Amino acid sequence: MQQKKISSKTRLVALLGSPARHSLSPIIQNRFMAGNGIDAVYVTFEFPEQRLKDSFEGARSLGIYGLNITMPFKEGVFNLVDKKDESSRVTRSVNTVIFEEKGDAIESTGYNTDIDGFIFSLKKKRYNIENRNCLVLGAGGAARSAVFAFLKSGASSIYIFNRTKENAELVKNAFEDDGRIIVLDYLYGETLKEYGVDLICNCTPIGMGAGKLKGMIPVPDDWDFKDKIVFETIYDPLDTGLIIKAKKEGARIIDGLDMLINQAASSFYIWFAIKPDTGKIRPLLLKDCIQNES
């Protein structure tokens, strides 16, 4: 690919997070930009959470065109943006921001494209969860997004489990109660069978990175994933303990790269009103993942 030319007119889009340096988003978004003739570059900023407000307002003041937001800033940025779309209002979580000039002011609008990431990942694999039972693990912004996405996809029941039950209750209470969302007290060997769970979605950090969580799984070891859908949101490493177990037991799998690519495409559309071709991105990311894990 020809090297991108940068000029004084080149727009800047950035990822804010902590950590963020490991992110594959720059590879995705810069490829989308180059492929669509967009004069912009995508970079990453990593800083402590106490500097979030200053950093966000600095991005606005410096004329940065748009932002992606990753952990642990999604809920904080929700409180900083001027306007919010429906998905971010319901989940109280923002992962995409666009700055637009409104007279003398610069207005920020927040979106949550994680919801599109969940929905499009299911659709592209042709996994229909209408009238199916889903289990969401976790209680952060990703868990709220998963619950919203599964509700929109017609799931029959959505069970939520989190180590701190009160936080799982907060996720449930973010939505109008039509009886489909149920908080579980605990997980045990017969949970899948008792509740007829068809899809297990991991929205926790268990299995992430190279630290003590790597290789761990967020469910009991004796669960059998045969014929289940296992949805992993982690992509570092790509083969988490949950994905390895799911592959061995014959589950249908959506991994963290699927989620990352599909939510990134939705962010790109918000910034530039173009639906990018996602077909060639995954091989590039797989190569990068293999290099990182070797």
Protein backbone atom coordinates (compact mmCIF):
# COMPACT_ATOMS: atom_id res chain seq x y z
CA MET A 1 0.00 0.00 0.00
CA GLN A 2 1.28 3.44 -0.92
CA GLN A 3 2.46 5.55 2.00
CA LYS A 4 -0.10 8.07 3.20
CA LYS A 5 0.74 11.70 2.44
CA ILE A 6 0.18 14.04 5.37
CA SER A 7 -0.37 17.77 4.87
CA SER A 8 -1.52 20.75 6.90
CA LYS A 9 -5.08 19.85 5.86
CA THR A 10 -4.92 16.28 7.16
CA ARG A 11 -7.56 15.64 9.82
CA LEU A 12 -6.78 13.79 13.05
CA VAL A 13 -8.86 11.02 14.63
CA ALA A 14 -7.70 9.47 17.90
CA LEU A 15 -8.25 6.62 20.31
CA LEU A 16 -8.32 7.45 24.03
CA GLY A 17 -7.78 4.66 26.54
CA SER A 18 -5.72 3.17 29.34
CA PRO A 19 -4.23 0.88 28.21
CA ALA A 20 -4.47 1.76 24.53
CA ARG A 21 -1.02 1.17 22.97
CA HIS A 22 -1.89 -2.48 22.28
CA SER A 23 -4.93 -1.52 20.19
CA LEU A 24 -5.37 -2.73 16.63
CA SER A 25 -7.76 0.14 15.87
CA PRO A 26 -5.07 2.28 14.14
CA ILE A 27 -4.45 -0.52 11.63
CA ILE A 28 -8.17 -0.78 10.89
CA GLN A 29 -9.03 2.88 10.68
CA ASN A 30 -5.95 3.98 8.72
CA ARG A 31 -6.66 1.22 6.20
CA PHE A 32 -10.29 2.35 5.95
CA MET A 33 -9.13 5.94 5.41
CA ALA A 34 -6.56 5.05 2.76
CA GLY A 35 -9.00 2.77 0.95
CA ASN A 36 -11.62 5.49 0.75
CA GLY A 37 -9.36 8.45 -0.08
CA ILE A 38 -9.92 10.18 3.25
CA ASP A 39 -7.24 12.75 4.13
CA ALA A 40 -6.98 11.84 7.82
CA VAL A 41 -4.81 9.81 10.18
CA TYR A 42 -5.72 7.79 13.26
CA VAL A 43 -3.47 7.77 16.34
CA THR A 44 -3.58 6.54 19.93
CA PHE A 45 -3.34 8.41 23.24
CA GLU A 46 -2.84 6.60 26.53
CA PHE A 47 -3.04 8.45 29.85
CA PRO A 48 -4.34 8.04 33.43
CA GLU A 49 -8.06 8.33 34.10
CA GLN A 50 -7.69 11.50 36.17
CA ARG A 51 -6.62 13.33 32.99
CA LEU A 52 -9.66 12.29 30.98
CA LYS A 53 -11.63 15.55 31.16
CA ASP A 54 -8.59 17.69 30.30
CA SER A 55 -7.68 15.37 27.43
CA PHE A 56 -11.22 15.33 26.04
CA GLU A 57 -11.52 19.12 26.14
CA GLY A 58 -8.02 19.40 24.66
CA ALA A 59 -9.11 17.24 21.72
CA ARG A 60 -12.10 19.52 21.19
CA SER A 61 -9.99 22.69 21.39
CA LEU A 62 -7.25 21.38 19.08
CA GLY A 63 -9.73 20.56 16.34
CA ILE A 64 -9.44 16.78 16.45
CA TYR A 65 -12.16 15.52 14.12
CA GLY A 66 -13.31 12.44 16.02
CA LEU A 67 -12.50 10.02 18.81
CA ASN A 68 -12.78 6.39 19.70
CA ILE A 69 -12.99 5.62 23.41
CA THR A 70 -11.89 2.38 25.04
CA MET A 71 -11.59 1.07 28.60
CA PRO A 72 -11.90 2.52 31.15
CA PHE A 73 -13.13 5.81 29.70
CA LYS A 74 -16.43 4.92 27.99
CA GLU A 75 -18.67 5.83 30.90
CA GLY A 76 -16.62 8.93 31.75
CA VAL A 77 -16.89 10.31 28.23
CA PHE A 78 -20.66 9.73 28.36
CA ASN A 79 -20.73 12.47 30.98
CA LEU A 80 -18.56 14.83 28.90
CA VAL A 81 -20.23 14.90 25.48
CA ASP A 82 -22.79 17.59 24.60
CA LYS A 83 -25.20 15.26 22.78
CA LYS A 84 -25.83 11.52 22.91
CA ASP A 85 -27.52 9.08 20.54
CA GLU A 86 -30.08 6.54 21.78
CA SER A 87 -27.59 3.69 22.11
CA SER A 88 -25.24 5.69 24.32
CA ARG A 89 -28.11 7.08 26.41
CA VAL A 90 -29.45 3.61 27.16
CA THR A 91 -26.07 2.06 27.91
CA ARG A 92 -24.58 5.21 29.50
CA SER A 93 -21.45 4.40 27.52
CA VAL A 94 -19.73 6.21 24.61
CA ASN A 95 -17.08 4.70 22.36
CA THR A 96 -17.28 7.09 19.39
CA VAL A 97 -17.31 10.91 19.32
CA ILE A 98 -17.54 13.39 16.48
CA PHE A 99 -16.74 17.09 16.92
CA GLU A 100 -18.65 19.52 14.70
CA GLU A 101 -18.52 23.30 14.42
CA LYS A 102 -21.76 24.99 15.44
CA GLY A 103 -21.26 28.71 14.96
CA ASP A 104 -18.48 29.76 17.30
CA ALA A 105 -18.75 26.55 19.36
CA ILE A 106 -17.50 23.02 18.76
CA GLU A 107 -20.21 20.50 19.65
CA SER A 108 -19.48 16.89 20.61
CA THR A 109 -21.85 14.00 19.95
CA GLY A 110 -21.37 10.58 21.50
CA TYR A 111 -22.33 7.21 20.06
CA ASN A 112 -22.02 3.59 21.11
CA THR A 113 -20.99 1.50 18.10
CA ASP A 114 -20.31 -1.53 20.29
CA ILE A 115 -23.99 -2.34 19.84
CA ASP A 116 -23.53 -2.44 16.05
CA GLY A 117 -20.42 -4.54 16.66
CA PHE A 118 -22.47 -7.19 18.45
CA ILE A 119 -25.36 -7.12 15.98
CA PHE A 120 -23.27 -7.12 12.78
CA SER A 121 -20.95 -9.85 14.11
CA LEU A 122 -23.96 -12.12 14.63
CA LYS A 123 -25.44 -11.27 11.24
CA LYS A 124 -22.22 -11.82 9.29
CA LYS A 125 -21.84 -15.28 10.83
CA ARG A 126 -25.56 -15.88 10.21
CA TYR A 127 -26.13 -16.66 13.87
CA ASN A 128 -29.78 -15.93 14.57
CA ILE A 129 -30.52 -15.45 18.27
CA GLU A 130 -34.19 -14.55 17.90
CA ASN A 131 -36.11 -16.43 20.61
CA ARG A 132 -32.81 -17.76 22.00
CA ASN A 133 -31.47 -17.45 25.56
CA CYS A 134 -28.26 -15.48 26.11
CA LEU A 135 -25.86 -15.23 29.03
CA VAL A 136 -23.85 -12.02 29.42
CA LEU A 137 -20.82 -12.12 31.72
CA GLY A 138 -19.81 -8.76 33.20
CA ALA A 139 -21.46 -5.48 34.15
CA GLY A 140 -19.49 -2.71 32.44
CA GLY A 141 -20.14 -0.71 29.29
CA ALA A 142 -19.58 -3.72 27.00
CA ALA A 143 -22.10 -5.80 28.98
CA ARG A 144 -24.72 -3.04 28.70
CA SER A 145 -24.06 -2.89 24.95
CA ALA A 146 -24.40 -6.66 24.62
CA VAL A 147 -27.71 -6.68 26.49
CA PHE A 148 -29.06 -3.88 24.30
CA ALA A 149 -27.88 -5.62 21.12
CA PHE A 150 -29.40 -8.95 22.13
CA LEU A 151 -32.69 -7.27 23.03
CA LYS A 152 -32.77 -5.63 19.59
CA SER A 153 -31.95 -9.00 18.00
CA GLY A 154 -35.03 -10.58 19.56
CA ALA A 155 -33.47 -12.75 22.27
CA SER A 156 -36.03 -14.53 24.42
CA SER A 157 -34.13 -14.16 27.70
CA ILE A 158 -30.89 -12.45 28.68
CA TYR A 159 -29.19 -13.65 31.85
CA ILE A 160 -26.53 -11.46 33.44
CA PHE A 161 -23.86 -12.65 35.82
CA ASN A 162 -21.25 -10.50 37.49
CA ARG A 163 -19.06 -11.16 40.50
CA THR A 164 -20.67 -8.14 42.17
CA LYS A 165 -24.41 -8.75 41.83
CA GLU A 166 -25.30 -5.11 42.56
CA ASN A 167 -23.49 -4.04 39.38
CA ALA A 168 -25.38 -6.63 37.35
CA GLU A 169 -28.61 -5.22 38.78
CA LEU A 170 -27.56 -1.76 37.56
CA VAL A 171 -27.19 -3.15 34.04
CA LYS A 172 -30.67 -4.68 34.22
CA ASN A 173 -32.19 -1.47 35.57
CA ALA A 174 -30.80 0.52 32.63
CA PHE A 175 -33.49 -1.07 30.44
CA GLU A 176 -37.27 -1.10 30.54
CA ASP A 177 -38.23 -4.28 32.34
CA ASP A 178 -40.23 -6.57 30.06
CA GLY A 179 -39.19 -9.67 31.95
CA ARG A 180 -36.48 -10.77 29.52
CA ILE A 181 -33.49 -9.66 31.64
CA ILE A 182 -32.64 -11.82 34.65
CA VAL A 183 -29.70 -11.42 37.04
CA LEU A 184 -28.14 -14.69 38.23
CA ASP A 185 -26.78 -15.13 41.74
CA TYR A 186 -24.09 -17.60 40.71
CA LEU A 187 -22.88 -19.95 37.98
CA TYR A 188 -22.56 -23.69 38.43
CA GLY A 189 -22.22 -26.84 36.37
CA GLU A 190 -25.86 -27.11 35.34
CA THR A 191 -26.46 -23.41 34.60
CA LEU A 192 -26.47 -23.82 30.80
CA LYS A 193 -28.92 -26.71 30.93
CA GLU A 194 -31.17 -25.22 33.63
CA TYR A 195 -31.65 -21.92 31.81
CA GLY A 196 -31.43 -23.28 28.27
CA VAL A 197 -28.58 -20.94 27.39
CA ASP A 198 -27.77 -20.83 23.66
CA LEU A 199 -25.18 -18.01 23.63
CA ILE A 200 -22.45 -17.13 26.14
CA CYS A 201 -20.92 -13.65 25.79
CA ASN A 202 -17.81 -12.66 27.74
CA CYS A 203 -17.71 -8.94 28.57
CA THR A 204 -15.21 -9.30 31.42
CA PRO A 205 -11.41 -8.87 31.22
CA ILE A 206 -10.89 -12.51 32.25
CA GLY A 207 -8.53 -14.04 29.69
CA MET A 208 -7.00 -10.73 28.59
CA GLY A 209 -3.36 -9.82 28.06
CA ALA A 210 -0.22 -11.43 29.40
CA GLY A 211 -0.91 -11.00 33.12
CA LYS A 212 -2.56 -13.23 35.69
CA LEU A 213 -5.88 -13.24 33.79
CA LYS A 214 -4.39 -14.82 30.65
CA GLY A 215 -5.61 -18.35 30.03
CA MET A 216 -8.36 -18.09 32.63
CA ILE A 217 -12.00 -18.59 31.68
CA PRO A 218 -14.97 -16.74 33.20
CA VAL A 219 -17.20 -19.83 33.54
CA PRO A 220 -17.01 -23.21 35.32
CA ASP A 221 -14.49 -25.62 33.77
CA ASP A 222 -17.09 -28.37 33.37
CA TRP A 223 -19.38 -26.44 31.03
CA ASP A 224 -19.88 -28.10 27.63
CA PHE A 225 -20.02 -25.61 24.75
CA LYS A 226 -21.06 -28.08 22.06
CA ASP A 227 -23.62 -26.46 19.71
CA LYS A 228 -23.50 -23.20 21.71
CA ILE A 229 -22.55 -19.76 20.38
CA VAL A 230 -19.54 -18.36 22.26
CA PHE A 231 -19.02 -14.62 21.81
CA GLU A 232 -15.67 -13.28 23.07
CA THR A 233 -15.03 -9.52 23.19
CA ILE A 234 -11.30 -9.84 24.00
CA TYR A 235 -8.81 -9.88 21.11
CA ASP A 236 -5.53 -9.72 23.07
CA PRO A 237 -4.80 -12.60 22.92
CA LEU A 238 -7.03 -13.71 20.07
CA ASP A 239 -7.22 -17.28 21.39
CA THR A 240 -8.38 -16.68 24.95
CA GLY A 241 -8.97 -19.58 27.28
CA LEU A 242 -12.68 -19.29 26.49
CA ILE A 243 -12.09 -19.47 22.73
CA ILE A 244 -9.71 -22.42 23.06
CA LYS A 245 -12.30 -24.34 25.09
CA ALA A 246 -15.09 -23.39 22.66
CA LYS A 247 -13.09 -24.63 19.66
CA LYS A 248 -12.32 -27.95 21.34
CA GLU A 249 -15.96 -28.55 22.20
CA GLY A 250 -17.51 -27.68 18.85
CA ALA A 251 -19.07 -24.31 19.59
CA ARG A 252 -19.89 -21.67 17.02
CA ILE A 253 -17.50 -18.80 17.68
CA ILE A 254 -17.38 -15.04 17.37
CA ASP A 255 -14.01 -13.76 18.51
CA GLY A 256 -12.74 -10.35 19.56
CA LEU A 257 -11.53 -9.43 16.06
CA ASP A 258 -15.03 -9.82 14.62
CA MET A 259 -16.37 -7.47 17.25
CA LEU A 260 -13.50 -4.98 16.82
CA ILE A 261 -13.80 -4.78 13.02
CA ASN A 262 -17.57 -4.38 12.96
CA GLN A 263 -17.76 -1.69 15.60
CA ALA A 264 -14.85 0.12 13.88
CA ALA A 265 -16.72 0.14 10.58
CA SER A 266 -19.70 1.72 12.30
CA SER A 267 -17.46 4.42 13.85
CA PHE A 268 -15.96 5.16 10.43
CA TYR A 269 -19.44 5.65 9.00
CA ILE A 270 -20.30 8.15 11.76
CA TRP A 271 -17.18 10.24 10.98
CA PHE A 272 -17.17 10.09 7.19
CA ALA A 273 -20.62 8.83 6.05
CA ILE A 274 -18.96 5.94 4.17
CA LYS A 275 -19.51 2.23 4.79
CA PRO A 276 -16.01 0.73 4.52
CA ASP A 277 -15.16 -2.65 3.05
CA THR A 278 -14.27 -4.89 6.01
CA GLY A 279 -13.38 -7.99 3.98
CA LYS A 280 -9.61 -7.46 3.76
CA ILE A 281 -9.05 -6.23 7.32
CA ARG A 282 -9.14 -9.48 9.26
CA PRO A 283 -6.11 -11.09 7.50
CA LEU A 284 -4.05 -7.98 8.34
CA LEU A 285 -5.08 -8.14 11.98
CA LEU A 286 -4.47 -11.88 12.21
CA LYS A 287 -0.90 -11.32 11.04
CA ASP A 288 -0.43 -8.63 13.69
CA CYS A 289 -1.93 -10.85 16.41
CA ILE A 290 0.38 -13.73 15.54
CA GLN A 291 3.41 -11.44 15.71
CA ASN A 292 2.32 -10.07 19.08
CA GLU A 293 1.81 -13.53 20.59
CA SER A 294 5.06 -15.02 19.30
